[in-house]
C-alpha atoms as a PDB file:
ATOM      1  CA  MET A   1      47.834 -17.465  64.051  1.00  0.00           C
ATOM      2  CA  GLN A   2      44.864 -17.965  66.401  1.00  0.00           C
ATOM      3  CA  THR A   3      41.479 -19.453  64.866  1.00  0.00           C
ATOM      4  CA  ILE A   4      38.432 -20.311  66.391  1.00  0.00           C
ATOM      5  CA  TYR A   5      35.877 -22.549  64.412  1.00  0.00           C
ATOM      6  CA  HIS A   6      32.008 -22.695  64.420  1.00  0.00           C
ATOM      7  CA  ALA A   7      30.466 -25.332  62.377  1.00  0.00           C
ATOM      8  CA  ALA A   8      27.319 -24.832  60.612  1.00  0.00           C
ATOM      9  CA  ASP A   9      25.077 -26.978  62.610  1.00  0.00           C
ATOM     10  CA  SER A  10      26.504 -25.272  65.751  1.00  0.00           C
ATOM     11  CA  ARG A  11      24.486 -22.274  64.938  1.00  0.00           C
ATOM     12  CA  GLY A  12      21.082 -20.580  66.453  1.00  0.00           C
ATOM     13  CA  ASP A  13      17.850 -21.881  64.919  1.00  0.00           C
ATOM     14  CA  ALA A  14      14.916 -19.808  64.265  1.00  0.00           C
ATOM     15  CA  ASN A  15      11.672 -21.099  62.552  1.00  0.00           C
ATOM     16  CA  HIS A  16       9.090 -18.786  62.396  1.00  0.00           C
ATOM     17  CA  GLY A  17       7.233 -20.021  59.428  1.00  0.00           C
ATOM     18  CA  TRP A  18       8.045 -17.686  56.946  1.00  0.00           C
ATOM     19  CA  LEU A  19      11.524 -17.498  58.098  1.00  0.00           C
ATOM     20  CA  LYS A  20      14.271 -19.771  58.871  1.00  0.00           C
ATOM     21  CA  SER A  21      17.473 -18.364  60.286  1.00  0.00           C
ATOM     22  CA  ARG A  22      20.281 -19.517  61.239  1.00  0.00           C
ATOM     23  CA  HIS A  23      22.567 -17.107  63.781  1.00  0.00           C
ATOM     24  CA  THR A  24      26.304 -17.496  63.964  1.00  0.00           C
ATOM     25  CA  PHE A  25      26.109 -14.953  67.347  1.00  0.00           C
ATOM     26  CA  SER A  26      23.651 -14.143  69.845  1.00  0.00           C
ATOM     27  CA  PHE A  27      20.816 -13.154  68.038  1.00  0.00           C
ATOM     28  CA  ALA A  28      16.768 -12.469  69.240  1.00  0.00           C
ATOM     29  CA  ASN A  29      16.234 -15.804  71.159  1.00  0.00           C
ATOM     30  CA  TYR A  30      19.520 -17.320  70.805  1.00  0.00           C
ATOM     31  CA  HIS A  31      21.898 -16.361  73.477  1.00  0.00           C
ATOM     32  CA  ASN A  32      25.286 -18.153  73.584  1.00  0.00           C
ATOM     33  CA  PRO A  33      27.444 -15.966  75.782  1.00  0.00           C
ATOM     34  CA  GLU A  34      30.584 -17.521  74.155  1.00  0.00           C
ATOM     35  CA  ARG A  35      29.044 -16.695  70.823  1.00  0.00           C
ATOM     36  CA  MET A  36      28.305 -12.543  71.215  1.00  0.00           C
ATOM     37  CA  GLY A  37      30.350 -11.909  67.735  1.00  0.00           C
ATOM     38  CA  PHE A  38      33.966 -11.583  66.727  1.00  0.00           C
ATOM     39  CA  GLY A  39      35.215  -7.980  67.414  1.00  0.00           C
ATOM     40  CA  ALA A  40      33.402  -5.454  65.598  1.00  0.00           C
ATOM     41  CA  LEU A  41      31.173  -8.182  63.532  1.00  0.00           C
ATOM     42  CA  ARG A  42      28.280  -8.793  65.885  1.00  0.00           C
ATOM     43  CA  VAL A  43      25.764 -10.358  63.571  1.00  0.00           C
ATOM     44  CA  ILE A  44      25.668 -12.954  60.680  1.00  0.00           C
ATOM     45  CA  ASN A  45      22.231 -14.120  59.927  1.00  0.00           C
ATOM     46  CA  ASP A  46      21.535 -16.814  57.608  1.00  0.00           C
ATOM     47  CA  ASP A  47      17.852 -15.863  56.348  1.00  0.00           C
ATOM     48  CA  GLN A  48      15.729 -17.592  53.986  1.00  0.00           C
ATOM     49  CA  VAL A  49      11.960 -16.002  53.866  1.00  0.00           C
ATOM     50  CA  ILE A  50       9.223 -17.902  51.951  1.00  0.00           C
ATOM     51  CA  ALA A  51       7.404 -15.759  49.041  1.00  0.00           C
ATOM     52  CA  GLY A  52       5.056 -12.712  49.781  1.00  0.00           C
ATOM     53  CA  GLN A  53       6.559 -12.266  53.106  1.00  0.00           C
ATOM     54  CA  GLY A  54       9.068 -10.712  55.161  1.00  0.00           C
ATOM     55  CA  PHE A  55      10.049  -8.133  57.800  1.00  0.00           C
ATOM     56  CA  GLY A  56       7.662  -5.348  58.554  1.00  0.00           C
ATOM     57  CA  LYS A  57       8.851  -1.936  59.578  1.00  0.00           C
ATOM     58  CA  HIS A  58      11.303  -2.037  62.436  1.00  0.00           C
ATOM     59  CA  SER A  59      13.807   0.498  63.467  1.00  0.00           C
ATOM     60  CA  HIS A  60      17.894   0.584  64.231  1.00  0.00           C
ATOM     61  CA  ARG A  61      20.227   2.914  65.161  1.00  0.00           C
ATOM     62  CA  ASP A  62      24.499   3.129  65.268  1.00  0.00           C
ATOM     63  CA  MET A  63      24.802  -0.096  63.435  1.00  0.00           C
ATOM     64  CA  GLU A  64      26.309  -0.702  59.949  1.00  0.00           C
ATOM     65  CA  ILE A  65      23.934  -3.177  58.207  1.00  0.00           C
ATOM     66  CA  ILE A  66      24.799  -5.411  55.245  1.00  0.00           C
ATOM     67  CA  SER A  67      22.748  -7.445  53.131  1.00  0.00           C
ATOM     68  CA  ILE A  68      24.051  -9.770  50.416  1.00  0.00           C
ATOM     69  CA  PRO A  69      21.398 -11.889  48.378  1.00  0.00           C
ATOM     70  CA  LEU A  70      22.262 -15.223  47.925  1.00  0.00           C
ATOM     71  CA  SER A  71      19.140 -16.026  45.681  1.00  0.00           C
ATOM     72  CA  GLY A  72      15.792 -14.622  44.624  1.00  0.00           C
ATOM     73  CA  LYS A  73      14.723 -10.853  45.394  1.00  0.00           C
ATOM     74  CA  LEU A  74      14.885  -9.025  48.663  1.00  0.00           C
ATOM     75  CA  GLY A  75      12.571  -5.745  48.612  1.00  0.00           C
ATOM     76  CA  HIS A  76      13.482  -3.054  50.692  1.00  0.00           C
ATOM     77  CA  GLY A  77      11.707   0.509  51.897  1.00  0.00           C
ATOM     78  CA  ASP A  78      12.588   2.928  54.613  1.00  0.00           C
ATOM     79  CA  ASP A  79      12.283   6.054  55.861  1.00  0.00           C
ATOM     80  CA  ILE A  80      14.804   8.112  53.864  1.00  0.00           C
ATOM     81  CA  GLY A  81      13.374   7.745  50.360  1.00  0.00           C
ATOM     82  CA  ASN A  82      14.637   3.966  49.307  1.00  0.00           C
ATOM     83  CA  ASN A  83      12.626   1.546  48.202  1.00  0.00           C
ATOM     84  CA  GLY A  84      13.688  -0.964  45.609  1.00  0.00           C
ATOM     85  CA  ILE A  85      14.831  -4.579  45.199  1.00  0.00           C
ATOM     86  CA  ILE A  86      17.993  -6.233  46.065  1.00  0.00           C
ATOM     87  CA  GLU A  87      19.007  -9.129  43.838  1.00  0.00           C
ATOM     88  CA  THR A  88      21.551 -11.797  43.888  1.00  0.00           C
ATOM     89  CA  GLY A  89      24.998 -10.737  42.620  1.00  0.00           C
ATOM     90  CA  GLU A  90      24.229  -7.165  44.526  1.00  0.00           C
ATOM     91  CA  ILE A  91      24.717  -6.237  47.966  1.00  0.00           C
ATOM     92  CA  GLN A  92      23.704  -3.377  50.348  1.00  0.00           C
ATOM     93  CA  VAL A  93      24.406  -1.328  53.213  1.00  0.00           C
ATOM     94  CA  MET A  94      22.778   0.808  55.731  1.00  0.00           C
ATOM     95  CA  SER A  95      24.696   3.031  58.121  1.00  0.00           C
ATOM     96  CA  ALA A  96      21.796   3.208  60.901  1.00  0.00           C
ATOM     97  CA  GLY A  97      23.332   6.278  62.496  1.00  0.00           C
ATOM     98  CA  THR A  98      20.819   8.301  64.276  1.00  0.00           C
ATOM     99  CA  GLY A  99      17.960   5.988  63.455  1.00  0.00           C
ATOM    100  CA  ILE A 100      16.637   4.345  60.316  1.00  0.00           C
ATOM    101  CA  THR A 101      13.256   2.162  59.666  1.00  0.00           C
ATOM    102  CA  HIS A 102      13.111   0.063  57.145  1.00  0.00           C
ATOM    103  CA  SER A 103      11.305  -3.012  55.960  1.00  0.00           C
ATOM    104  CA  GLU A 104      12.978  -5.949  54.232  1.00  0.00           C
ATOM    105  CA  MET A 105      10.281  -8.384  52.225  1.00  0.00           C
ATOM    106  CA  ASN A 106      10.392 -11.361  49.672  1.00  0.00           C
ATOM    107  CA  ALA A 107       9.899  -9.412  46.599  1.00  0.00           C
ATOM    108  CA  ASP A 108       8.516 -12.581  44.789  1.00  0.00           C
ATOM    109  CA  ASN A 109       5.615 -14.115  45.231  1.00  0.00           C
ATOM    110  CA  ASN A 110       6.646 -17.457  44.154  1.00  0.00           C
ATOM    111  CA  GLU A 111      10.174 -18.145  45.005  1.00  0.00           C
ATOM    112  CA  PRO A 112      11.827 -17.983  48.744  1.00  0.00           C
ATOM    113  CA  VAL A 113      14.671 -15.249  49.107  1.00  0.00           C
ATOM    114  CA  LYS A 114      17.998 -16.268  50.590  1.00  0.00           C
ATOM    115  CA  PHE A 115      20.304 -13.718  51.799  1.00  0.00           C
ATOM    116  CA  LEU A 116      23.194 -12.804  54.705  1.00  0.00           C
ATOM    117  CA  GLN A 117      22.376 -10.219  56.998  1.00  0.00           C
ATOM    118  CA  ILE A 118      25.673  -9.208  58.514  1.00  0.00           C
ATOM    119  CA  TRP A 119      25.919  -6.414  61.474  1.00  0.00           C
ATOM    120  CA  VAL A 120      29.204  -4.390  62.160  1.00  0.00           C
ATOM    121  CA  ILE A 121      29.549  -2.550  64.909  1.00  0.00           C
ATOM    122  CA  PRO A 122      30.437   1.150  63.818  1.00  0.00           C
ATOM    123  CA  ASN A 123      33.193   3.114  65.034  1.00  0.00           C
ATOM    124  CA  LYS A 124      31.502   6.470  65.635  1.00  0.00           C
ATOM    125  CA  GLY A 125      27.550   6.933  66.793  1.00  0.00           C
ATOM    126  CA  GLY A 126      25.026   9.587  65.962  1.00  0.00           C
ATOM    127  CA  VAL A 127      26.239   9.808  62.073  1.00  0.00           C
ATOM    128  CA  THR A 128      23.467  10.680  59.524  1.00  0.00           C
ATOM    129  CA  PRO A 129      21.489   7.541  58.081  1.00  0.00           C
ATOM    130  CA  ARG A 130      22.478   6.552  54.815  1.00  0.00           C
ATOM    131  CA  TYR A 131      21.783   4.124  52.082  1.00  0.00           C
ATOM    132  CA  GLN A 132      23.904   2.106  49.587  1.00  0.00           C
ATOM    133  CA  GLN A 133      23.344  -0.427  46.917  1.00  0.00           C
ATOM    134  CA  ILE A 134      25.484  -1.726  44.118  1.00  0.00           C
ATOM    135  CA  ARG A 135      25.996  -4.635  42.029  1.00  0.00           C
ATOM    136  CA  ILE A 136      29.336  -6.742  42.380  1.00  0.00           C
ATOM    137  CA  ASP A 137      28.841  -9.994  40.161  1.00  0.00           C
ATOM    138  CA  GLU A 138      29.872  -8.240  36.831  1.00  0.00           C
ATOM    139  CA  ASP A 139      33.243  -7.032  38.671  1.00  0.00           C
ATOM    140  CA  MET A 140      34.645 -10.068  40.405  1.00  0.00           C
ATOM    141  CA  LYS A 141      37.367 -12.057  39.229  1.00  0.00           C
ATOM    142  CA  HIS A 142      37.295 -16.159  39.364  1.00  0.00           C
ATOM    143  CA  ASN A 143      39.453 -17.423  41.861  1.00  0.00           C
ATOM    144  CA  GLU A 144      40.638 -14.373  43.478  1.00  0.00           C
ATOM    145  CA  PHE A 145      39.295 -12.330  46.502  1.00  0.00           C
ATOM    146  CA  ASN A 146      36.992  -9.412  45.507  1.00  0.00           C
ATOM    147  CA  GLN A 147      36.981  -6.285  47.560  1.00  0.00           C
ATOM    148  CA  VAL A 148      32.934  -5.902  48.207  1.00  0.00           C
ATOM    149  CA  LEU A 149      32.972  -3.767  51.507  1.00  0.00           C
ATOM    150  CA  SER A 150      35.524  -1.027  52.813  1.00  0.00           C
ATOM    151  CA  PRO A 151      35.690   2.112  54.878  1.00  0.00           C
ATOM    152  CA  ASN A 152      36.572   3.936  51.948  1.00  0.00           C
ATOM    153  CA  PRO A 153      33.735   5.769  50.112  1.00  0.00           C
ATOM    154  CA  ASP A 154      36.326   5.944  46.768  1.00  0.00           C
ATOM    155  CA  ASP A 155      37.190   2.145  47.025  1.00  0.00           C
ATOM    156  CA  ALA A 156      35.475  -0.797  45.411  1.00  0.00           C
ATOM    157  CA  GLY A 157      32.281  -2.095  46.796  1.00  0.00           C
ATOM    158  CA  VAL A 158      29.898  -0.167  49.530  1.00  0.00           C
ATOM    159  CA  TRP A 159      31.754   1.290  52.096  1.00  0.00           C
ATOM    160  CA  ILE A 160      30.699   1.550  55.954  1.00  0.00           C
ATOM    161  CA  HIS A 161      31.624   3.865  59.237  1.00  0.00           C
ATOM    162  CA  GLN A 162      34.404   1.125  60.574  1.00  0.00           C
ATOM    163  CA  ASN A 163      37.928   0.037  59.792  1.00  0.00           C
ATOM    164  CA  ALA A 164      36.340  -3.293  58.088  1.00  0.00           C
ATOM    165  CA  TRP A 165      36.907  -4.971  54.880  1.00  0.00           C
ATOM    166  CA  PHE A 166      34.856  -7.549  52.987  1.00  0.00           C
ATOM    167  CA  ASN A 167      36.034  -9.897  50.332  1.00  0.00           C
ATOM    168  CA  MET A 168      33.968 -12.255  48.477  1.00  0.00           C
ATOM    169  CA  GLY A 169      35.069 -14.850  46.121  1.00  0.00           C
ATOM    170  CA  ASP A 170      34.197 -18.084  43.814  1.00  0.00           C
ATOM    171  CA  PHE A 171      36.986 -20.768  43.718  1.00  0.00           C
ATOM    172  CA  ASP A 172      37.613 -23.491  41.781  1.00  0.00           C
ATOM    173  CA  LYS A 173      38.720 -26.933  43.350  1.00  0.00           C
ATOM    174  CA  GLY A 174      42.637 -27.283  43.851  1.00  0.00           C
ATOM    175  CA  VAL A 175      43.238 -23.609  43.902  1.00  0.00           C
ATOM    176  CA  THR A 176      45.272 -21.890  46.432  1.00  0.00           C
ATOM    177  CA  GLN A 177      45.022 -18.104  47.356  1.00  0.00           C
ATOM    178  CA  THR A 178      46.441 -16.366  50.069  1.00  0.00           C
ATOM    179  CA  TYR A 179      44.169 -13.186  51.861  1.00  0.00           C
ATOM    180  CA  GLN A 180      46.487 -10.547  53.295  1.00  0.00           C
ATOM    181  CA  LEU A 181      45.126  -8.111  55.707  1.00  0.00           C
ATOM    182  CA  ASN A 182      44.807  -4.669  55.004  1.00  0.00           C
ATOM    183  CA  ASP A 183      45.103  -3.973  58.639  1.00  0.00           C
ATOM    184  CA  PRO A 184      47.393  -5.910  60.952  1.00  0.00           C
ATOM    185  CA  ASN A 185      45.404  -5.630  63.943  1.00  0.00           C
ATOM    186  CA  ASN A 186      42.335  -6.800  62.674  1.00  0.00           C
ATOM    187  CA  GLY A 187      40.968 -10.046  62.800  1.00  0.00           C
ATOM    188  CA  VAL A 188      39.315 -12.121  60.231  1.00  0.00           C
ATOM    189  CA  TYR A 189      36.025 -13.926  59.943  1.00  0.00           C
ATOM    190  CA  VAL A 190      35.991 -16.641  56.879  1.00  0.00           C
ATOM    191  CA  PHE A 191      32.144 -17.617  56.273  1.00  0.00           C
ATOM    192  CA  VAL A 192      31.831 -20.364  53.277  1.00  0.00           C
ATOM    193  CA  ILE A 193      28.742 -19.799  51.487  1.00  0.00           C
ATOM    194  CA  SER A 194      29.275 -22.984  49.520  1.00  0.00           C
ATOM    195  CA  GLY A 195      31.699 -25.966  49.175  1.00  0.00           C
ATOM    196  CA  LYS A 196      35.346 -26.923  51.190  1.00  0.00           C
ATOM    197  CA  VAL A 197      38.212 -25.178  52.086  1.00  0.00           C
ATOM    198  CA  THR A 198      41.107 -25.815  54.555  1.00  0.00           C
ATOM    199  CA  ILE A 199      42.789 -22.964  56.476  1.00  0.00           C
ATOM    200  CA  ASN A 200      45.852 -23.597  58.902  1.00  0.00           C
ATOM    201  CA  GLY A 201      44.879 -27.222  58.696  1.00  0.00           C
ATOM    202  CA  LYS A 202      41.149 -26.853  59.109  1.00  0.00           C
ATOM    203  CA  THR A 203      38.570 -27.763  56.963  1.00  0.00           C
ATOM    204  CA  LEU A 204      35.434 -25.667  56.720  1.00  0.00           C
ATOM    205  CA  ASP A 205      32.342 -26.823  54.892  1.00  0.00           C
ATOM    206  CA  THR A 206      29.549 -24.855  53.507  1.00  0.00           C
ATOM    207  CA  ARG A 207      28.279 -22.710  56.218  1.00  0.00           C
ATOM    208  CA  ASP A 208      31.008 -23.334  58.654  1.00  0.00           C
ATOM    209  CA  GLY A 209      32.944 -20.198  59.994  1.00  0.00           C
ATOM    210  CA  LEU A 210      36.411 -19.314  60.973  1.00  0.00           C
ATOM    211  CA  GLY A 211      37.717 -16.626  63.253  1.00  0.00           C
ATOM    212  CA  ILE A 212      41.089 -15.813  62.367  1.00  0.00           C
ATOM    213  CA  VAL A 213      43.468 -13.715  64.576  1.00  0.00           C
ATOM    214  CA  ASP A 214      47.185 -12.437  65.578  1.00  0.00           C
ATOM    215  CA  THR A 215      48.543 -13.049  61.603  1.00  0.00           C
ATOM    216  CA  LYS A 216      49.244 -10.786  58.881  1.00  0.00           C
ATOM    217  CA  ASN A 217      47.900 -12.660  56.228  1.00  0.00           C
ATOM    218  CA  PHE A 218      46.266 -16.462  55.905  1.00  0.00           C
ATOM    219  CA  THR A 219      46.364 -18.952  52.985  1.00  0.00           C
ATOM    220  CA  MET A 220      43.302 -21.217  51.749  1.00  0.00           C
ATOM    221  CA  ASP A 221      43.170 -24.476  50.178  1.00  0.00           C
ATOM    222  CA  VAL A 222      39.965 -25.022  48.082  1.00  0.00           C
ATOM    223  CA  GLU A 223      38.951 -28.602  48.442  1.00  0.00           C
ATOM    224  CA  GLU A 224      35.790 -28.245  46.574  1.00  0.00           C
ATOM    225  CA  ASP A 225      34.337 -25.389  44.374  1.00  0.00           C
ATOM    226  CA  THR A 226      33.709 -22.696  46.563  1.00  0.00           C
ATOM    227  CA  ARG A 227      31.987 -19.330  47.060  1.00  0.00           C
ATOM    228  CA  VAL A 228      33.556 -17.719  50.282  1.00  0.00           C
ATOM    229  CA  LEU A 229      33.115 -14.522  52.297  1.00  0.00           C
ATOM    230  CA  VAL A 230      36.020 -12.777  53.990  1.00  0.00           C
ATOM    231  CA  MET A 231      34.925  -9.912  57.130  1.00  0.00           C
ATOM    232  CA  GLU A 232      37.914  -8.306  58.072  1.00  0.00           C
ATOM    233  CA  VAL A 233      37.022  -6.472  61.497  1.00  0.00           C
ATOM    234  CA  PRO A 234      38.978  -4.704  64.398  1.00  0.00           C
ATOM    235  CA  VAL A 235      39.259  -7.224  67.461  1.00  0.00           C
ATOM    236  CA  GLN A 236      40.191  -4.791  70.051  1.00  0.00           C
END
């Protein structure tokens, strides 16, 4: 097992007034040649948008874009006919493919919206753009890794054009849990949304990240009540 640790305070920092964002990997004005992604995982942006503001219409191509609200409500609109609100406890994915134009706005006029926006490089280009949004919190089991994304439309969670699996879980202090990779050739990026865990002797605090390669599984010891996101992606 090999690991790479990214402390929360080592991330890129952007403050545009209406938007505050921390970038795990190089993005926009933050460029770090040692932080260009983790295999097919290209972007992890930890965004906060103030009330009534947001990202106006803009376009993407050939990228799988996943949004996970952490608090508040995220309004979405696009040019393939989707308009609505993504709430905490849901997950959204867009396969940009040949091109999609969309907007993301805070759907609340009083409270900020906080969400993770994650980009995964697809395993095929030029696909027909698609959109998917589902609720995930109602089926999540406590103290377990719960699948919220996969390559298979028939599996639990949303699906994308990539040999990737995402799992989320809420874990109590003192729990030890093992994650088994779906594909032993993949790597795993662990992002601690809140709390504290130890993996392979390394302690991760809130918003820390740990990339893991060359293993079929890893074991996580929970030091504090924790919410964690595990992103398994191709690394070669």
